[in-house]
Amino acid sequence: MEHIRKLGYRRLGLLIGVIALLMIPLGITNPYFMYVINLILIYILLVLGLDLIVGYTGQVSIGHGAFFGVGAYIAAIFSTKLGLSFWFTLPIAILATAIIGFIIGFIGLKLIEEYLVMATLAFGTIIWLVFLNWTDVTGGPMGIALIPSPPAMNFGIFQLSFTQYADYYPLLLFFVVVAIIFTKLLINSGFGRACTAIRDDELAAQSMGIPVFRTKVVMFTISAAYCGAAGTLYAHFIHVVSPETFNFTMSVTILTMVMIGGQGSIIGAVLGASLLTIFSEALRATPELRMLIYGLLIVIMMMFFPRGIMGIIHYYRKQIEKRALLKKMKGAKATVDVKKEGLGYE
């Protein structure tokens, strides 16, 4: 009965949360605040993608800013030069980014962890140089501007014309919800459990018959696809892409969000993306200071809170549960002692 009651409370809380999320555009009239919220949703996609390999497979990548840029530039090129709409550039960018992710993963994941970090760093640098110097295609340092908005969507009772930041919110929220559901199903599947087994002990996973290399490559490919989707949404939301957005700083930012929120946690991905995006916007005028603080945050979290915010929450929740259990056990012991006294036991 208690389990059913808890399930009912969870469903009620989920319903209230969904209603609150849908009501956000009605309660926020400041365009800048709406812009930051939309940016948070895009970063949630990026963090979910990176966390698939960092939190659930135990690999480290500092090149996901490049995958983000690949998705954004492909969407920008196909929409401005070929005139394709958002609904065509989205699958193209996701597929292209996934293919590149497969190639990089196939090459890099044969290396030990330290060299994988260097391989993804090199990949990010090469992609950034391509964005910067392939002027005929990428626009060089000036980037690509005048990227069109997604086509208007009419749902009868309301219409999304994508002329204001609030119009993008339902679209971005939809993709985030789909990504969260897909991530949840993925990590709870047999494939997801194989990934966590590799994370916990790669040799033990291999001895149990798990194809370690193939599993890691597939997860790396899926992770890159998340970044491709986020890049497409970013390009059509901001309407301009340039090399400076997708440099090494972007990769560090995404990794910092994973570390701060907590590895291997969907809620942690949401928290990390939200807090660091707000923090980043607050320090937009001082990018050098922002990078310094990011580095300090990573060091502090790895030294004192390796599981991030979610690790801290889980720790205190376990402490509360332990105290409640001890209190319950003491109460039960006192009840037994009273019964013994009533029966004449000493």
Protein backbone atom coordinates (compact mmCIF):
# COMPACT_ATOMS: atom_id res chain seq x y z
CA MET A 1 0.00 0.00 0.00
CA GLU A 2 2.82 2.36 0.88
CA HIS A 3 4.53 1.59 -2.44
CA ILE A 4 1.34 2.51 -4.33
CA ARG A 5 1.08 5.74 -2.35
CA LYS A 6 4.69 6.67 -3.18
CA LEU A 7 4.08 5.91 -6.86
CA GLY A 8 1.01 8.17 -6.78
CA TYR A 9 3.03 10.97 -5.20
CA ARG A 10 5.72 10.58 -7.87
CA ARG A 11 3.18 10.77 -10.68
CA LEU A 12 1.56 13.81 -9.09
CA GLY A 13 4.95 15.48 -8.71
CA LEU A 14 5.78 14.66 -12.34
CA LEU A 15 2.48 16.13 -13.52
CA ILE A 16 3.05 19.32 -11.48
CA GLY A 17 6.58 19.56 -12.87
CA VAL A 18 5.39 19.21 -16.47
CA ILE A 19 2.70 21.86 -15.97
CA ALA A 20 5.27 24.20 -14.38
CA LEU A 21 7.66 23.72 -17.29
CA LEU A 22 4.94 24.42 -19.84
CA MET A 23 3.92 27.58 -17.97
CA ILE A 24 7.44 29.09 -17.93
CA PRO A 25 6.97 31.21 -21.11
CA LEU A 26 3.80 32.70 -19.63
CA GLY A 27 5.53 33.75 -16.41
CA ILE A 28 8.74 35.16 -17.92
CA THR A 29 8.40 38.28 -20.02
CA ASN A 30 12.07 39.31 -20.12
CA PRO A 31 13.50 38.15 -23.50
CA TYR A 32 17.01 37.73 -22.09
CA PHE A 33 15.81 35.38 -19.33
CA MET A 34 13.98 33.36 -21.98
CA TYR A 35 17.14 33.27 -24.06
CA VAL A 36 19.13 31.86 -21.11
CA ILE A 37 16.48 29.20 -20.43
CA ASN A 38 16.59 28.09 -24.06
CA LEU A 39 20.38 27.98 -23.88
CA ILE A 40 20.12 25.78 -20.78
CA LEU A 41 17.95 23.30 -22.70
CA ILE A 42 20.55 23.07 -25.48
CA TYR A 43 23.31 22.50 -22.93
CA ILE A 44 21.25 19.77 -21.25
CA LEU A 45 21.32 17.87 -24.56
CA LEU A 46 25.10 18.30 -24.74
CA VAL A 47 25.66 17.19 -21.15
CA LEU A 48 23.38 14.17 -21.55
CA GLY A 49 25.41 13.17 -24.60
CA LEU A 50 28.81 13.55 -22.93
CA ASP A 51 27.62 11.83 -19.75
CA LEU A 52 26.80 8.70 -21.76
CA ILE A 53 30.51 8.06 -22.15
CA VAL A 54 31.86 9.79 -19.02
CA GLY A 55 29.27 8.70 -16.48
CA TYR A 56 28.01 5.41 -17.91
CA THR A 57 31.01 4.02 -19.84
CA GLY A 58 33.90 5.50 -17.89
CA GLN A 59 35.65 7.23 -20.81
CA VAL A 60 36.74 10.87 -20.90
CA SER A 61 36.40 13.15 -23.92
CA ILE A 62 37.35 16.80 -24.24
CA GLY A 63 36.35 17.03 -27.88
CA HIS A 64 32.57 17.19 -27.64
CA GLY A 65 32.60 20.90 -28.32
CA ALA A 66 33.81 19.92 -31.80
CA PHE A 67 30.89 17.52 -32.31
CA PHE A 68 28.60 20.34 -31.22
CA GLY A 69 30.23 22.57 -33.83
CA VAL A 70 29.97 19.94 -36.58
CA GLY A 71 26.22 19.68 -36.04
CA ALA A 72 25.83 23.47 -36.00
CA TYR A 73 27.93 24.07 -39.12
CA ILE A 74 26.27 21.29 -41.11
CA ALA A 75 22.86 22.73 -40.26
CA ALA A 76 24.09 26.24 -41.15
CA ILE A 77 25.63 25.18 -44.48
CA PHE A 78 22.68 23.11 -45.64
CA SER A 79 20.12 25.73 -44.63
CA THR A 80 21.90 28.81 -46.05
CA LYS A 81 23.57 27.38 -49.15
CA LEU A 82 20.99 24.73 -50.15
CA GLY A 83 17.89 26.31 -48.66
CA LEU A 84 16.88 23.24 -46.62
CA SER A 85 14.54 23.73 -43.68
CA PHE A 86 15.23 22.80 -40.07
CA TRP A 87 13.41 19.47 -40.38
CA PHE A 88 15.82 18.40 -43.14
CA THR A 89 19.02 19.77 -41.64
CA LEU A 90 18.31 18.09 -38.28
CA PRO A 91 18.53 14.43 -39.40
CA ILE A 92 21.41 15.22 -41.78
CA ALA A 93 23.43 16.86 -39.00
CA ILE A 94 22.67 14.08 -36.51
CA LEU A 95 23.66 11.37 -39.00
CA ALA A 96 26.84 13.17 -40.12
CA THR A 97 27.92 13.84 -36.53
CA ALA A 98 27.22 10.23 -35.55
CA ILE A 99 29.36 8.98 -38.46
CA ILE A 100 32.24 11.25 -37.44
CA GLY A 101 31.77 10.14 -33.84
CA PHE A 102 31.96 6.51 -34.93
CA ILE A 103 35.22 7.15 -36.79
CA ILE A 104 36.80 9.04 -33.89
CA GLY A 105 35.55 6.47 -31.40
CA PHE A 106 36.80 3.55 -33.50
CA ILE A 107 40.27 5.10 -33.62
CA GLY A 108 40.46 6.69 -30.17
CA LEU A 109 38.87 3.97 -28.05
CA LYS A 110 41.61 1.53 -29.00
CA LEU A 111 43.89 3.69 -26.90
CA ILE A 112 44.15 3.75 -23.12
CA GLU A 113 42.23 6.47 -21.28
CA GLU A 114 45.02 9.05 -21.15
CA TYR A 115 45.63 8.82 -24.88
CA LEU A 116 41.89 8.93 -25.61
CA VAL A 117 41.82 12.35 -23.92
CA MET A 118 44.67 13.49 -26.15
CA ALA A 119 42.98 12.06 -29.26
CA THR A 120 39.72 13.92 -28.59
CA LEU A 121 41.69 17.08 -27.83
CA ALA A 122 43.48 16.76 -31.17
CA PHE A 123 40.18 16.14 -32.96
CA GLY A 124 38.67 19.25 -31.39
CA THR A 125 41.65 21.35 -32.43
CA ILE A 126 41.57 20.06 -36.02
CA ILE A 127 37.84 20.72 -36.38
CA TRP A 128 38.26 24.22 -34.97
CA LEU A 129 41.02 24.92 -37.50
CA VAL A 130 38.76 23.67 -40.29
CA PHE A 131 36.00 26.04 -39.17
CA LEU A 132 38.51 28.88 -39.02
CA ASN A 133 40.37 28.36 -42.31
CA TRP A 134 37.95 26.71 -44.78
CA THR A 135 36.60 30.12 -45.73
CA ASP A 136 34.70 29.09 -48.87
CA VAL A 137 32.49 26.67 -46.91
CA THR A 138 32.52 27.77 -43.27
CA GLY A 139 32.92 31.52 -43.75
CA GLY A 140 36.25 31.54 -41.89
CA PRO A 141 36.53 33.75 -38.81
CA MET A 142 33.25 35.51 -39.70
CA GLY A 143 31.30 32.26 -39.62
CA ILE A 144 27.88 31.80 -41.20
CA ALA A 145 25.05 34.24 -40.54
CA LEU A 146 21.38 34.58 -41.49
CA ILE A 147 20.57 30.97 -40.61
CA PRO A 148 16.78 30.70 -40.99
CA SER A 149 14.41 29.88 -38.17
CA PRO A 150 12.47 26.61 -38.18
CA PRO A 151 9.24 26.79 -40.22
CA ALA A 152 6.15 27.98 -38.35
CA MET A 153 4.14 25.27 -36.61
CA ASN A 154 0.37 25.51 -36.19
CA PHE A 155 -1.26 23.37 -33.48
CA GLY A 156 -4.74 24.86 -33.77
CA ILE A 157 -5.02 26.44 -30.34
CA PHE A 158 -1.59 28.06 -30.63
CA GLN A 159 1.08 28.70 -33.23
CA LEU A 160 4.86 28.78 -33.05
CA SER A 161 6.21 31.34 -35.48
CA PHE A 162 9.78 31.32 -34.05
CA THR A 163 10.03 35.09 -34.08
CA GLN A 164 10.58 35.32 -30.32
CA TYR A 165 12.69 33.37 -27.83
CA ALA A 166 9.53 32.09 -26.16
CA ASP A 167 8.54 30.35 -29.42
CA TYR A 168 11.67 28.21 -29.31
CA TYR A 169 11.05 27.02 -25.76
CA PRO A 170 8.42 24.29 -26.55
CA LEU A 171 10.54 22.96 -29.41
CA LEU A 172 13.71 22.77 -27.31
CA LEU A 173 11.83 21.35 -24.33
CA PHE A 174 10.38 18.63 -26.57
CA PHE A 175 13.85 17.53 -27.70
CA VAL A 176 15.16 17.57 -24.13
CA VAL A 177 12.26 15.42 -22.90
CA VAL A 178 12.77 12.96 -25.78
CA ALA A 179 16.51 12.84 -25.01
CA ILE A 180 15.87 12.21 -21.30
CA ILE A 181 13.38 9.40 -22.04
CA PHE A 182 15.74 7.84 -24.59
CA THR A 183 18.67 8.10 -22.16
CA LYS A 184 16.64 6.48 -19.39
CA LEU A 185 15.60 3.60 -21.65
CA LEU A 186 19.15 3.22 -22.96
CA ILE A 187 20.89 3.01 -19.59
CA ASN A 188 18.24 0.60 -18.23
CA SER A 189 18.60 -1.70 -21.24
CA GLY A 190 21.00 -4.64 -21.52
CA PHE A 191 23.32 -2.46 -23.57
CA GLY A 192 23.31 0.24 -20.87
CA ARG A 193 24.07 -2.31 -18.15
CA ALA A 194 26.96 -3.58 -20.27
CA CYS A 195 28.30 -0.02 -20.41
CA THR A 196 28.13 0.41 -16.64
CA ALA A 197 29.86 -2.96 -16.22
CA ILE A 198 32.68 -1.69 -18.44
CA ARG A 199 32.83 1.49 -16.37
CA ASP A 200 33.09 -0.42 -13.09
CA ASP A 201 35.60 -3.06 -14.24
CA GLU A 202 36.56 -3.41 -17.88
CA LEU A 203 38.46 -6.67 -17.41
CA ALA A 204 35.60 -8.26 -15.49
CA ALA A 205 33.13 -7.14 -18.15
CA GLN A 206 35.31 -8.65 -20.86
CA SER A 207 35.57 -11.94 -18.95
CA MET A 208 31.74 -12.09 -18.83
CA GLY A 209 31.60 -11.97 -22.63
CA ILE A 210 30.74 -8.30 -23.10
CA PRO A 211 32.23 -6.96 -26.38
CA VAL A 212 34.01 -4.07 -24.67
CA PHE A 213 35.43 -2.24 -27.67
CA ARG A 214 32.26 -2.48 -29.76
CA THR A 215 30.09 -1.35 -26.84
CA LYS A 216 32.27 1.70 -26.19
CA VAL A 217 32.29 2.67 -29.87
CA VAL A 218 28.49 2.41 -30.14
CA MET A 219 28.01 4.54 -27.03
CA PHE A 220 30.53 7.10 -28.31
CA THR A 221 28.58 7.27 -31.59
CA ILE A 222 25.28 7.84 -29.78
CA SER A 223 26.95 10.48 -27.62
CA ALA A 224 28.13 12.35 -30.74
CA ALA A 225 24.61 12.19 -32.20
CA TYR A 226 23.27 14.07 -29.15
CA CYS A 227 25.78 16.83 -29.89
CA GLY A 228 24.70 16.91 -33.54
CA ALA A 229 21.09 17.48 -32.50
CA ALA A 230 22.13 20.19 -30.03
CA GLY A 231 24.28 21.87 -32.69
CA THR A 232 21.38 21.99 -35.16
CA LEU A 233 19.06 23.48 -32.57
CA TYR A 234 21.72 26.01 -31.59
CA ALA A 235 22.35 27.13 -35.19
CA HIS A 236 18.68 27.70 -35.95
CA PHE A 237 18.13 29.36 -32.57
CA ILE A 238 21.10 31.77 -32.59
CA HIS A 239 21.00 32.25 -36.42
CA VAL A 240 24.78 32.53 -36.62
CA VAL A 241 27.73 30.17 -36.06
CA SER A 242 31.41 31.09 -35.77
CA PRO A 243 34.63 29.24 -34.82
CA GLU A 244 35.05 31.02 -31.49
CA THR A 245 31.92 29.30 -30.13
CA PHE A 246 33.23 25.77 -30.69
CA ASN A 247 36.78 26.04 -29.43
CA PHE A 248 38.47 24.17 -26.57
CA THR A 249 36.58 26.29 -24.05
CA MET A 250 33.27 24.77 -25.16
CA SER A 251 34.55 21.22 -24.59
CA VAL A 252 35.80 22.16 -21.12
CA THR A 253 32.47 23.83 -20.34
CA ILE A 254 30.48 20.71 -21.22
CA LEU A 255 32.83 18.48 -19.20
CA THR A 256 32.60 20.85 -16.24
CA MET A 257 28.81 20.63 -16.35
CA VAL A 258 29.03 16.84 -16.18
CA MET A 259 31.45 16.97 -13.24
CA ILE A 260 29.46 19.57 -11.29
CA GLY A 261 26.08 17.92 -11.76
CA GLY A 262 27.29 14.41 -11.12
CA GLN A 263 28.42 11.67 -13.46
CA GLY A 264 25.96 8.96 -14.40
CA SER A 265 22.85 10.92 -13.43
CA ILE A 266 20.17 12.44 -15.63
CA ILE A 267 19.13 14.84 -12.87
CA GLY A 268 22.78 15.72 -12.41
CA ALA A 269 23.04 16.58 -16.11
CA VAL A 270 20.08 18.94 -15.79
CA LEU A 271 21.49 20.56 -12.64
CA GLY A 272 25.01 20.90 -14.03
CA ALA A 273 23.82 22.43 -17.32
CA SER A 274 21.46 24.83 -15.55
CA LEU A 275 23.87 26.08 -12.90
CA LEU A 276 26.90 26.44 -15.18
CA THR A 277 24.91 28.18 -17.93
CA ILE A 278 23.62 30.77 -15.49
CA PHE A 279 27.12 31.11 -14.01
CA SER A 280 28.63 31.44 -17.48
CA GLU A 281 26.19 34.15 -18.50
CA ALA A 282 27.00 36.04 -15.30
CA LEU A 283 30.71 35.98 -16.22
CA ARG A 284 30.28 36.60 -19.95
CA ALA A 285 32.21 39.88 -19.73
CA THR A 286 35.30 38.12 -18.30
CA PRO A 287 35.91 34.92 -20.32
CA GLU A 288 39.45 34.47 -18.94
CA LEU A 289 38.18 34.49 -15.36
CA ARG A 290 35.43 32.08 -16.35
CA MET A 291 37.94 29.48 -17.60
CA LEU A 292 40.01 29.84 -14.43
CA ILE A 293 36.96 29.26 -12.26
CA TYR A 294 35.91 26.27 -14.40
CA GLY A 295 39.33 24.70 -13.83
CA LEU A 296 39.16 25.32 -10.08
CA LEU A 297 35.65 23.86 -9.93
CA ILE A 298 36.77 20.66 -11.69
CA VAL A 299 39.74 20.26 -9.33
CA ILE A 300 37.61 20.89 -6.22
CA MET A 301 34.86 18.52 -7.34
CA MET A 302 37.33 15.75 -8.20
CA MET A 303 39.14 16.13 -4.86
CA PHE A 304 36.24 16.55 -2.46
CA PHE A 305 33.01 15.70 -4.32
CA PRO A 306 33.87 13.25 -7.12
CA ARG A 307 30.19 12.40 -7.61
CA GLY A 308 29.18 16.04 -8.03
CA ILE A 309 26.01 17.63 -6.67
CA MET A 310 24.08 14.38 -6.97
CA GLY A 311 26.77 12.62 -4.96
CA ILE A 312 26.32 15.13 -2.15
CA ILE A 313 22.53 14.72 -2.28
CA HIS A 314 22.82 10.90 -2.20
CA TYR A 315 25.23 11.06 0.73
CA TYR A 316 22.95 13.17 2.92
CA ARG A 317 19.90 11.15 1.90
CA LYS A 318 21.64 7.97 3.02
CA GLN A 319 22.58 9.63 6.30
CA ILE A 320 18.94 10.60 6.91
CA GLU A 321 17.76 7.08 6.04
CA LYS A 322 20.40 5.56 8.33
CA ARG A 323 19.32 7.77 11.25
CA ALA A 324 15.67 6.94 10.63
CA LEU A 325 16.49 3.22 10.58
CA LEU A 326 18.49 3.46 13.82
CA LYS A 327 15.64 5.36 15.47
CA LYS A 328 13.18 2.72 14.28
CA MET A 329 15.41 -0.09 15.60
CA LYS A 330 15.72 1.62 18.98
CA GLY A 331 11.96 1.99 19.13
CA ALA A 332 11.45 -1.67 18.29
CA LYS A 333 13.98 -2.71 20.98
CA ALA A 334 12.20 -0.58 23.56
CA THR A 335 8.87 -2.22 22.65
CA VAL A 336 10.38 -5.71 23.06
CA ASP A 337 11.82 -4.75 26.47
CA VAL A 338 8.42 -3.52 27.65
CA LYS A 339 6.76 -6.77 26.55
CA LYS A 340 9.41 -8.82 28.37
CA GLU A 341 8.83 -6.86 31.57
CA GLY A 342 5.10 -7.48 31.27
CA LEU A 343 5.71 -11.24 31.04
CA GLY A 344 7.95 -11.23 34.14
CA TYR A 345 11.33 -11.40 32.37
CA GLU A 346 14.22 -9.63 33.97
